[in-house]
C-alpha atoms as a PDB file:
ATOM      1  CA  MET A   1     169.056  18.945 102.622  1.00  0.00           C
ATOM      2  CA  ALA A   2     165.262  18.850 102.430  1.00  0.00           C
ATOM      3  CA  ALA A   3     162.683  17.982 105.073  1.00  0.00           C
ATOM      4  CA  GLY A   4     158.903  17.521 105.078  1.00  0.00           C
ATOM      5  CA  ASN A   5     156.197  20.142 105.002  1.00  0.00           C
ATOM      6  CA  LEU A   6     156.460  23.062 107.383  1.00  0.00           C
ATOM      7  CA  HIS A   7     153.492  23.630 109.692  1.00  0.00           C
ATOM      8  CA  LEU A   8     152.619  27.312 109.504  1.00  0.00           C
ATOM      9  CA  PRO A   9     149.633  29.057 111.140  1.00  0.00           C
ATOM     10  CA  VAL A  10     146.572  29.984 109.089  1.00  0.00           C
ATOM     11  CA  VAL A  11     145.298  33.422 110.099  1.00  0.00           C
ATOM     12  CA  ASP A  12     141.605  34.014 109.411  1.00  0.00           C
ATOM     13  CA  LEU A  13     141.219  37.632 108.306  1.00  0.00           C
ATOM     14  CA  ALA A  14     137.450  37.367 108.904  1.00  0.00           C
ATOM     15  CA  SER A  15     137.943  36.655 112.603  1.00  0.00           C
ATOM     16  CA  THR A  16     136.577  39.235 115.029  1.00  0.00           C
ATOM     17  CA  ASN A  17     139.224  38.240 117.576  1.00  0.00           C
ATOM     18  CA  LEU A  18     141.874  40.654 116.349  1.00  0.00           C
ATOM     19  CA  ARG A  19     144.099  40.103 119.355  1.00  0.00           C
ATOM     20  CA  ALA A  20     144.293  36.343 118.777  1.00  0.00           C
ATOM     21  CA  SER A  21     145.009  36.894 115.076  1.00  0.00           C
ATOM     22  CA  ALA A  22     147.738  39.407 115.929  1.00  0.00           C
ATOM     23  CA  GLU A  23     149.314  36.984 118.386  1.00  0.00           C
ATOM     24  CA  SER A  24     149.356  34.224 115.745  1.00  0.00           C
ATOM     25  CA  ILE A  25     151.053  36.561 113.285  1.00  0.00           C
ATOM     26  CA  ARG A  26     153.623  37.661 115.855  1.00  0.00           C
ATOM     27  CA  LYS A  27     154.523  34.055 116.677  1.00  0.00           C
ATOM     28  CA  ALA A  28     154.897  33.246 112.981  1.00  0.00           C
ATOM     29  CA  CYS A  29     156.991  36.348 112.265  1.00  0.00           C
ATOM     30  CA  VAL A  30     159.312  35.698 115.200  1.00  0.00           C
ATOM     31  CA  GLU A  31     159.812  32.046 114.256  1.00  0.00           C
ATOM     32  CA  SER A  32     159.874  32.032 110.465  1.00  0.00           C
ATOM     33  CA  GLY A  33     158.374  35.144 108.877  1.00  0.00           C
ATOM     34  CA  PHE A  34     155.905  32.955 106.929  1.00  0.00           C
ATOM     35  CA  PHE A  35     152.203  32.274 107.506  1.00  0.00           C
ATOM     36  CA  TYR A  36     148.943  31.770 105.604  1.00  0.00           C
ATOM     37  CA  VAL A  37     145.843  33.962 105.467  1.00  0.00           C
ATOM     38  CA  SER A  38     142.308  32.789 104.741  1.00  0.00           C
ATOM     39  CA  ASN A  39     139.153  34.840 104.092  1.00  0.00           C
ATOM     40  CA  HIS A  40     141.434  37.442 102.613  1.00  0.00           C
ATOM     41  CA  GLY A  41     138.882  39.148 100.378  1.00  0.00           C
ATOM     42  CA  ILE A  42     140.458  38.199  97.035  1.00  0.00           C
ATOM     43  CA  ASP A  43     137.842  36.318  95.089  1.00  0.00           C
ATOM     44  CA  ASP A  44     138.816  32.914  93.719  1.00  0.00           C
ATOM     45  CA  GLY A  45     137.317  33.881  90.383  1.00  0.00           C
ATOM     46  CA  LEU A  46     139.653  36.883  90.164  1.00  0.00           C
ATOM     47  CA  LEU A  47     142.647  34.719  91.053  1.00  0.00           C
ATOM     48  CA  GLU A  48     141.709  32.228  88.339  1.00  0.00           C
ATOM     49  CA  ARG A  49     141.464  35.037  85.792  1.00  0.00           C
ATOM     50  CA  VAL A  50     144.898  36.323  86.806  1.00  0.00           C
ATOM     51  CA  PHE A  51     146.386  32.847  86.399  1.00  0.00           C
ATOM     52  CA  ALA A  52     144.667  32.386  83.027  1.00  0.00           C
ATOM     53  CA  GLU A  53     145.845  35.740  81.654  1.00  0.00           C
ATOM     54  CA  SER A  54     149.349  35.151  83.016  1.00  0.00           C
ATOM     55  CA  LYS A  55     149.537  31.696  81.430  1.00  0.00           C
ATOM     56  CA  LYS A  56     148.353  33.078  78.106  1.00  0.00           C
ATOM     57  CA  PHE A  57     151.105  35.703  78.110  1.00  0.00           C
ATOM     58  CA  PHE A  58     153.938  33.367  79.092  1.00  0.00           C
ATOM     59  CA  GLU A  59     152.929  30.956  76.325  1.00  0.00           C
ATOM     60  CA  LEU A  60     153.797  33.603  73.706  1.00  0.00           C
ATOM     61  CA  PRO A  61     156.990  33.189  71.663  1.00  0.00           C
ATOM     62  CA  LEU A  62     160.001  34.768  73.355  1.00  0.00           C
ATOM     63  CA  GLU A  63     160.395  37.475  70.728  1.00  0.00           C
ATOM     64  CA  GLU A  64     156.837  38.692  71.333  1.00  0.00           C
ATOM     65  CA  LYS A  65     157.392  38.804  75.083  1.00  0.00           C
ATOM     66  CA  MET A  66     160.689  40.646  74.627  1.00  0.00           C
ATOM     67  CA  ALA A  67     158.792  43.479  72.925  1.00  0.00           C
ATOM     68  CA  LEU A  68     157.657  44.334  76.464  1.00  0.00           C
ATOM     69  CA  GLN A  69     161.093  43.864  78.082  1.00  0.00           C
ATOM     70  CA  ARG A  70     161.440  45.513  81.487  1.00  0.00           C
ATOM     71  CA  ASN A  71     162.077  49.239  81.155  1.00  0.00           C
ATOM     72  CA  SER A  72     163.980  51.776  83.276  1.00  0.00           C
ATOM     73  CA  GLY A  73     160.907  52.029  85.514  1.00  0.00           C
ATOM     74  CA  HIS A  74     161.242  48.304  86.297  1.00  0.00           C
ATOM     75  CA  ARG A  75     157.966  47.457  84.600  1.00  0.00           C
ATOM     76  CA  GLY A  76     157.514  44.732  82.024  1.00  0.00           C
ATOM     77  CA  TYR A  77     158.926  41.349  81.063  1.00  0.00           C
ATOM     78  CA  THR A  78     162.151  39.679  82.209  1.00  0.00           C
ATOM     79  CA  PRO A  79     163.220  36.485  80.391  1.00  0.00           C
ATOM     80  CA  PRO A  80     164.834  33.364  81.902  1.00  0.00           C
ATOM     81  CA  TYR A  81     168.403  33.916  83.156  1.00  0.00           C
ATOM     82  CA  ALA A  82     167.894  37.704  83.354  1.00  0.00           C
ATOM     83  CA  GLU A  83     167.933  37.700  87.162  1.00  0.00           C
ATOM     84  CA  LYS A  84     170.192  35.852  89.596  1.00  0.00           C
ATOM     85  CA  LEU A  85     168.886  36.239  93.134  1.00  0.00           C
ATOM     86  CA  ASP A  86     171.757  34.305  94.743  1.00  0.00           C
ATOM     87  CA  ALA A  87     175.022  35.965  93.720  1.00  0.00           C
ATOM     88  CA  SER A  88     176.965  32.826  94.685  1.00  0.00           C
ATOM     89  CA  SER A  89     175.075  30.676  92.151  1.00  0.00           C
ATOM     90  CA  LYS A  90     177.320  29.090  89.507  1.00  0.00           C
ATOM     91  CA  PHE A  91     174.609  29.495  86.879  1.00  0.00           C
ATOM     92  CA  GLU A  92     174.136  32.405  84.504  1.00  0.00           C
ATOM     93  CA  GLY A  93     170.805  33.239  86.078  1.00  0.00           C
ATOM     94  CA  ASP A  94     167.607  31.821  87.547  1.00  0.00           C
ATOM     95  CA  LEU A  95     165.197  29.837  85.392  1.00  0.00           C
ATOM     96  CA  LYS A  96     162.101  31.930  86.040  1.00  0.00           C
ATOM     97  CA  GLU A  97     160.567  34.491  83.724  1.00  0.00           C
ATOM     98  CA  SER A  98     158.467  37.308  85.117  1.00  0.00           C
ATOM     99  CA  PHE A  99     156.339  40.336  84.400  1.00  0.00           C
ATOM    100  CA  TYR A 100     156.310  43.413  86.653  1.00  0.00           C
ATOM    101  CA  ILE A 101     153.261  45.661  87.073  1.00  0.00           C
ATOM    102  CA  GLY A 102     153.125  48.657  89.404  1.00  0.00           C
ATOM    103  CA  ALA A 103     150.441  50.975  90.706  1.00  0.00           C
ATOM    104  CA  THR A 104     149.612  54.051  88.646  1.00  0.00           C
ATOM    105  CA  GLY A 105     149.743  56.269  91.729  1.00  0.00           C
ATOM    106  CA  ASN A 106     147.300  59.153  91.456  1.00  0.00           C
ATOM    107  CA  GLY A 107     145.959  57.819  88.168  1.00  0.00           C
ATOM    108  CA  ASN A 108     148.042  60.155  86.008  1.00  0.00           C
ATOM    109  CA  LEU A 109     148.707  57.962  82.971  1.00  0.00           C
ATOM    110  CA  GLN A 110     151.556  60.233  81.860  1.00  0.00           C
ATOM    111  CA  ASN A 111     153.509  58.999  84.893  1.00  0.00           C
ATOM    112  CA  ASP A 112     152.570  55.356  84.367  1.00  0.00           C
ATOM    113  CA  ALA A 113     155.685  53.306  83.596  1.00  0.00           C
ATOM    114  CA  ASN A 114     153.651  50.129  83.123  1.00  0.00           C
ATOM    115  CA  GLN A 115     153.752  48.234  79.862  1.00  0.00           C
ATOM    116  CA  TRP A 116     150.697  46.323  78.700  1.00  0.00           C
ATOM    117  CA  PRO A 117     150.175  43.602  76.098  1.00  0.00           C
ATOM    118  CA  SER A 118     148.107  44.499  73.064  1.00  0.00           C
ATOM    119  CA  GLU A 119     144.420  44.982  73.928  1.00  0.00           C
ATOM    120  CA  GLU A 120     143.552  43.304  70.651  1.00  0.00           C
ATOM    121  CA  GLN A 121     145.375  40.154  71.714  1.00  0.00           C
ATOM    122  CA  PHE A 122     144.681  40.455  75.458  1.00  0.00           C
ATOM    123  CA  PRO A 123     141.431  42.410  75.846  1.00  0.00           C
ATOM    124  CA  ALA A 124     140.951  41.621  79.568  1.00  0.00           C
ATOM    125  CA  TRP A 125     144.603  41.617  80.655  1.00  0.00           C
ATOM    126  CA  LYS A 126     145.067  45.192  81.853  1.00  0.00           C
ATOM    127  CA  ASP A 127     141.790  45.471  83.760  1.00  0.00           C
ATOM    128  CA  THR A 128     142.291  42.059  85.382  1.00  0.00           C
ATOM    129  CA  MET A 129     145.787  42.890  86.621  1.00  0.00           C
ATOM    130  CA  LYS A 130     144.838  46.356  87.862  1.00  0.00           C
ATOM    131  CA  LEU A 131     141.860  44.953  89.776  1.00  0.00           C
ATOM    132  CA  TYR A 132     143.995  42.234  91.352  1.00  0.00           C
ATOM    133  CA  LEU A 133     146.695  44.710  92.336  1.00  0.00           C
ATOM    134  CA  ALA A 134     144.171  47.038  93.984  1.00  0.00           C
ATOM    135  CA  THR A 135     142.387  44.194  95.787  1.00  0.00           C
ATOM    136  CA  ALA A 136     145.633  42.646  97.020  1.00  0.00           C
ATOM    137  CA  LEU A 137     146.735  46.040  98.350  1.00  0.00           C
ATOM    138  CA  VAL A 138     143.587  46.204 100.492  1.00  0.00           C
ATOM    139  CA  THR A 139     144.406  42.728 101.833  1.00  0.00           C
ATOM    140  CA  CYS A 140     147.978  43.779 102.599  1.00  0.00           C
ATOM    141  CA  LYS A 141     146.736  46.739 104.603  1.00  0.00           C
ATOM    142  CA  ARG A 142     144.490  44.476 106.660  1.00  0.00           C
ATOM    143  CA  ILE A 143     147.467  42.235 107.414  1.00  0.00           C
ATOM    144  CA  LEU A 144     149.633  45.225 108.307  1.00  0.00           C
ATOM    145  CA  SER A 145     146.994  46.394 110.772  1.00  0.00           C
ATOM    146  CA  LEU A 146     147.302  43.031 112.534  1.00  0.00           C
ATOM    147  CA  ILE A 147     151.092  43.289 112.399  1.00  0.00           C
ATOM    148  CA  SER A 148     150.795  46.704 114.080  1.00  0.00           C
ATOM    149  CA  LEU A 149     148.675  45.167 116.849  1.00  0.00           C
ATOM    150  CA  SER A 150     151.178  42.326 117.196  1.00  0.00           C
ATOM    151  CA  LEU A 151     153.847  44.941 117.960  1.00  0.00           C
ATOM    152  CA  ASP A 152     151.601  46.608 120.593  1.00  0.00           C
ATOM    153  CA  LEU A 153     151.012  49.556 118.282  1.00  0.00           C
ATOM    154  CA  ASP A 154     147.811  51.186 117.110  1.00  0.00           C
ATOM    155  CA  ALA A 155     146.106  49.285 114.290  1.00  0.00           C
ATOM    156  CA  GLU A 156     146.480  52.314 112.002  1.00  0.00           C
ATOM    157  CA  PHE A 157     150.154  52.881 112.871  1.00  0.00           C
ATOM    158  CA  PHE A 158     151.564  52.401 109.376  1.00  0.00           C
ATOM    159  CA  GLN A 159     148.795  54.521 107.879  1.00  0.00           C
ATOM    160  CA  ASN A 160     149.355  57.314 110.389  1.00  0.00           C
ATOM    161  CA  ILE A 161     153.110  57.571 109.840  1.00  0.00           C
ATOM    162  CA  GLY A 162     152.625  57.908 106.087  1.00  0.00           C
ATOM    163  CA  ALA A 163     153.911  54.467 105.074  1.00  0.00           C
ATOM    164  CA  PHE A 164     151.300  54.330 102.282  1.00  0.00           C
ATOM    165  CA  ASN A 165     151.769  57.858 100.980  1.00  0.00           C
ATOM    166  CA  CYS A 166     154.219  56.911  98.244  1.00  0.00           C
ATOM    167  CA  PRO A 167     152.870  53.839  96.463  1.00  0.00           C
ATOM    168  CA  SER A 168     155.499  51.233  95.633  1.00  0.00           C
ATOM    169  CA  ASP A 169     153.327  48.147  95.464  1.00  0.00           C
ATOM    170  CA  VAL A 170     154.236  45.699  92.715  1.00  0.00           C
ATOM    171  CA  LEU A 171     152.434  42.787  91.134  1.00  0.00           C
ATOM    172  CA  ARG A 172     154.934  40.274  89.813  1.00  0.00           C
ATOM    173  CA  LEU A 173     153.728  37.437  87.621  1.00  0.00           C
ATOM    174  CA  LEU A 174     156.128  34.505  87.655  1.00  0.00           C
ATOM    175  CA  HIS A 175     156.475  31.434  85.478  1.00  0.00           C
ATOM    176  CA  TYR A 176     158.782  28.537  86.315  1.00  0.00           C
ATOM    177  CA  PRO A 177     159.681  25.932  83.668  1.00  0.00           C
ATOM    178  CA  GLY A 178     158.374  22.402  84.008  1.00  0.00           C
ATOM    179  CA  GLU A 179     161.389  20.983  82.172  1.00  0.00           C
ATOM    180  CA  VAL A 180     165.014  22.135  82.101  1.00  0.00           C
ATOM    181  CA  ASN A 181     168.006  21.398  79.937  1.00  0.00           C
ATOM    182  CA  GLU A 182     170.698  19.061  81.208  1.00  0.00           C
ATOM    183  CA  CYS A 183     173.084  22.005  81.580  1.00  0.00           C
ATOM    184  CA  ASP A 184     170.629  23.534  84.062  1.00  0.00           C
ATOM    185  CA  ASN A 185     170.489  20.525  86.385  1.00  0.00           C
ATOM    186  CA  GLY A 186     170.900  21.913  89.881  1.00  0.00           C
ATOM    187  CA  ASN A 187     169.673  25.364  88.943  1.00  0.00           C
ATOM    188  CA  TYR A 188     166.604  26.918  90.606  1.00  0.00           C
ATOM    189  CA  GLY A 189     163.478  28.606  89.392  1.00  0.00           C
ATOM    190  CA  ALA A 190     164.408  31.325  91.881  1.00  0.00           C
ATOM    191  CA  SER A 191     167.667  30.887  93.764  1.00  0.00           C
ATOM    192  CA  ALA A 192     168.021  31.496  97.504  1.00  0.00           C
ATOM    193  CA  HIS A 193     167.052  35.023  98.535  1.00  0.00           C
ATOM    194  CA  SER A 194     164.915  37.123 100.839  1.00  0.00           C
ATOM    195  CA  ASP A 195     162.392  39.743  99.735  1.00  0.00           C
ATOM    196  CA  TYR A 196     163.666  43.273 100.195  1.00  0.00           C
ATOM    197  CA  GLY A 197     160.317  44.926 100.880  1.00  0.00           C
ATOM    198  CA  MET A 198     157.816  44.897 103.677  1.00  0.00           C
ATOM    199  CA  LEU A 199     155.276  42.206 102.868  1.00  0.00           C
ATOM    200  CA  THR A 200     154.682  39.639 100.115  1.00  0.00           C
ATOM    201  CA  LEU A 201     151.440  37.870  99.250  1.00  0.00           C
ATOM    202  CA  LEU A 202     151.887  34.698  97.218  1.00  0.00           C
ATOM    203  CA  ALA A 203     149.093  32.950  95.342  1.00  0.00           C
ATOM    204  CA  THR A 204     150.078  29.601  93.865  1.00  0.00           C
ATOM    205  CA  ASP A 205     148.399  27.201  91.456  1.00  0.00           C
ATOM    206  CA  GLY A 206     149.201  24.171  93.627  1.00  0.00           C
ATOM    207  CA  THR A 207     152.510  23.214  92.023  1.00  0.00           C
ATOM    208  CA  PRO A 208     155.097  22.502  94.754  1.00  0.00           C
ATOM    209  CA  GLY A 209     158.572  23.991  94.858  1.00  0.00           C
ATOM    210  CA  LEU A 210     158.637  26.765  97.486  1.00  0.00           C
ATOM    211  CA  GLN A 211     161.043  25.968 100.344  1.00  0.00           C
ATOM    212  CA  ILE A 212     162.387  28.066 103.219  1.00  0.00           C
ATOM    213  CA  CYS A 213     165.497  27.801 105.368  1.00  0.00           C
ATOM    214  CA  ARG A 214     165.045  28.744 109.023  1.00  0.00           C
ATOM    215  CA  GLU A 215     168.686  28.308 110.057  1.00  0.00           C
ATOM    216  CA  LYS A 216     170.972  29.754 107.388  1.00  0.00           C
ATOM    217  CA  ASP A 217     174.132  29.077 109.434  1.00  0.00           C
ATOM    218  CA  ARG A 218     173.341  25.392 109.897  1.00  0.00           C
ATOM    219  CA  HIS A 219     175.406  22.931 107.872  1.00  0.00           C
ATOM    220  CA  PRO A 220     173.974  21.251 105.974  1.00  0.00           C
ATOM    221  CA  GLN A 221     171.118  23.715 105.653  1.00  0.00           C
ATOM    222  CA  LEU A 222     167.615  22.352 106.168  1.00  0.00           C
ATOM    223  CA  TRP A 223     165.081  23.429 103.543  1.00  0.00           C
ATOM    224  CA  GLU A 224     161.396  22.877 104.359  1.00  0.00           C
ATOM    225  CA  ASP A 225     158.422  22.791 101.989  1.00  0.00           C
ATOM    226  CA  VAL A 226     155.727  25.468 102.179  1.00  0.00           C
ATOM    227  CA  PRO A 227     152.737  23.700 100.603  1.00  0.00           C
ATOM    228  CA  HIS A 228     149.774  25.167  98.762  1.00  0.00           C
ATOM    229  CA  ILE A 229     146.560  25.089 100.836  1.00  0.00           C
ATOM    230  CA  ASP A 230     143.084  24.716  99.354  1.00  0.00           C
ATOM    231  CA  GLY A 231     139.780  24.287 101.121  1.00  0.00           C
ATOM    232  CA  CYS A 232     139.833  26.962 103.822  1.00  0.00           C
ATOM    233  CA  GLN A 233     136.428  28.094 105.048  1.00  0.00           C
ATOM    234  CA  LYS A 234     135.183  30.998 103.011  1.00  0.00           C
ATOM    235  CA  TYR A 235     132.734  33.690 104.094  1.00  0.00           C
ATOM    236  CA  SER A 236     130.825  36.140 101.960  1.00  0.00           C
ATOM    237  CA  ILE A 237     132.672  39.431 101.602  1.00  0.00           C
ATOM    238  CA  HIS A 238     130.987  42.792 101.200  1.00  0.00           C
ATOM    239  CA  ARG A 239     132.437  46.269 100.871  1.00  0.00           C
ATOM    240  CA  THR A 240     131.681  49.390 102.847  1.00  0.00           C
ATOM    241  CA  GLN A 241     133.035  52.887 102.504  1.00  0.00           C
ATOM    242  CA  PRO A 242     134.534  54.154 105.774  1.00  0.00           C
ATOM    243  CA  GLY A 243     136.183  57.028 104.484  1.00  0.00           C
ATOM    244  CA  GLU A 244     151.244  28.784  82.856  1.00  0.00           C
ATOM    245  CA  GLY A 245     152.414  30.849  85.199  1.00  0.00           C
ATOM    246  CA  ARG A 246     153.025  28.782  88.285  1.00  0.00           C
ATOM    247  CA  ASP A 247     153.149  31.495  90.887  1.00  0.00           C
ATOM    248  CA  THR A 248     151.509  34.876  90.955  1.00  0.00           C
ATOM    249  CA  VAL A 249     153.180  37.182  93.440  1.00  0.00           C
ATOM    250  CA  PHE A 250     152.170  40.496  94.933  1.00  0.00           C
ATOM    251  CA  ASP A 251     155.035  42.346  96.608  1.00  0.00           C
ATOM    252  CA  PHE A 252     153.900  45.126  98.915  1.00  0.00           C
ATOM    253  CA  LEU A 253     156.331  47.800 100.060  1.00  0.00           C
ATOM    254  CA  SER A 254     154.006  50.731 100.684  1.00  0.00           C
ATOM    255  CA  GLY A 255     150.966  52.284  99.081  1.00  0.00           C
ATOM    256  CA  ASP A 256     148.456  55.075  99.201  1.00  0.00           C
ATOM    257  CA  GLY A 257     145.315  54.695 101.282  1.00  0.00           C
ATOM    258  CA  CYS A 258     142.253  53.634  99.337  1.00  0.00           C
ATOM    259  CA  GLY A 259     139.569  54.216 101.990  1.00  0.00           C
ATOM    260  CA  GLU A 260     137.918  50.846 101.475  1.00  0.00           C
ATOM    261  CA  ARG A 261     137.365  48.062 103.962  1.00  0.00           C
ATOM    262  CA  LEU A 262     136.236  44.503 103.485  1.00  0.00           C
ATOM    263  CA  HIS A 263     133.962  42.829 106.021  1.00  0.00           C
ATOM    264  CA  ALA A 264     133.007  39.161 106.285  1.00  0.00           C
ATOM    265  CA  SER A 265     129.497  37.999 107.114  1.00  0.00           C
ATOM    266  CA  LYS A 266     128.973  34.948 109.285  1.00  0.00           C
ATOM    267  CA  GLY A 267     127.435  32.669 106.685  1.00  0.00           C
ATOM    268  CA  GLU A 268     129.809  30.173 105.116  1.00  0.00           C
ATOM    269  CA  VAL A 269     129.460  30.147 101.336  1.00  0.00           C
ATOM    270  CA  GLY A 270     132.154  27.762 100.180  1.00  0.00           C
ATOM    271  CA  LEU A 271     135.861  27.012 100.157  1.00  0.00           C
ATOM    272  CA  SER A 272     138.733  29.285  99.179  1.00  0.00           C
ATOM    273  CA  ARG A 273     142.468  28.922  98.680  1.00  0.00           C
ATOM    274  CA  ALA A 274     144.722  30.410 101.340  1.00  0.00           C
ATOM    275  CA  LEU A 275     147.462  32.876 100.435  1.00  0.00           C
ATOM    276  CA  ILE A 276     151.044  32.538 101.614  1.00  0.00           C
ATOM    277  CA  VAL A 277     152.454  35.612 103.352  1.00  0.00           C
ATOM    278  CA  ASN A 278     156.084  36.374 104.106  1.00  0.00           C
ATOM    279  CA  ILE A 279     157.771  39.437 105.512  1.00  0.00           C
ATOM    280  CA  GLY A 280     160.766  41.098 103.894  1.00  0.00           C
ATOM    281  CA  ASP A 281     164.005  42.794 104.861  1.00  0.00           C
ATOM    282  CA  LEU A 282     162.301  46.114 105.553  1.00  0.00           C
ATOM    283  CA  LEU A 283     159.959  44.772 108.237  1.00  0.00           C
ATOM    284  CA  GLU A 284     162.787  42.826 109.874  1.00  0.00           C
ATOM    285  CA  ARG A 285     164.797  46.049 110.046  1.00  0.00           C
ATOM    286  CA  TRP A 286     161.881  48.109 111.323  1.00  0.00           C
ATOM    287  CA  THR A 287     161.306  45.644 114.178  1.00  0.00           C
ATOM    288  CA  ASN A 288     165.004  45.667 115.093  1.00  0.00           C
ATOM    289  CA  CYS A 289     165.243  42.013 113.984  1.00  0.00           C
ATOM    290  CA  VAL A 290     162.502  40.847 116.355  1.00  0.00           C
ATOM    291  CA  PHE A 291     160.662  39.614 113.272  1.00  0.00           C
ATOM    292  CA  ARG A 292     162.652  37.292 111.023  1.00  0.00           C
ATOM    293  CA  ARG A 293     162.729  37.311 107.287  1.00  0.00           C
ATOM    294  CA  LEU A 294     164.051  34.022 105.941  1.00  0.00           C
ATOM    295  CA  SER A 295     165.802  32.927 102.788  1.00  0.00           C
ATOM    296  CA  PHE A 296     163.706  30.902 100.365  1.00  0.00           C
ATOM    297  CA  TRP A 297     164.024  29.420  96.911  1.00  0.00           C
ATOM    298  CA  ILE A 298     161.854  27.856  94.240  1.00  0.00           C
ATOM    299  CA  GLN A 299     162.898  24.387  93.181  1.00  0.00           C
ATOM    300  CA  THR A 300     162.289  23.372  89.592  1.00  0.00           C
ATOM    301  CA  LEU A 301     160.770  19.902  89.649  1.00  0.00           C
ATOM    302  CA  ILE A 302     161.840  17.621  86.813  1.00  0.00           C
END
């Protein structure tokens, strides 16, 4: 059973009123575990390059993509039907295909399990993805500082307890098919599931399909749309040193500190897309179920 769009708060990461932002996040996490962030510090131009490079890769023939099939380090390509997020699904697997990229940790390439497309064929791919992963990690840490405040903890709580000491941040590029075979009618791009980690940032290209269920024990279940948002106020971002892929996803579990902060100036310089944020199983567990992580799925629109 589907309903209309869900009204979720938009948290402005450029706001100087940290307490108000933290309260908005707490309300969202208690009620649904989903919210939006604006002025997040990830440049629209970088997002467009990530989408373009992702689309170019997923348009390759399957046999070329399979040359980079996901390895034992869980890095690389997974084809359609390789993953089934809802074990009760009657289908062989979900319709999505994906590509997993992880942090390189201390920069030691010998320990880097990542797989990369050919530089000859994709000259900008590796640098684009690494830049996006690093930038999104900074954004995640800003959000986690507000989550700390929302729990009446110090803003640097997660940093101080060593939650970022062992990097396990993952960039997951996802492509959902625009058309499906008749035998796949009723199947999902990504079947019902929750994220197992701490925090997920989701950048979308505007194609609908993401739905969440706030009451899993309700029958029939009510699934509500989480729409793409464009046109949030954008402020110029500067750095200081204090010490067809349809969806591009950044899953954040933990990560090492990078010592960089992003600050917003007051002058509006344009419009920027908002990012969708949802919490995962880990944060629900850490808050003793005060915060809720919800099940969601990706519908394939025919």
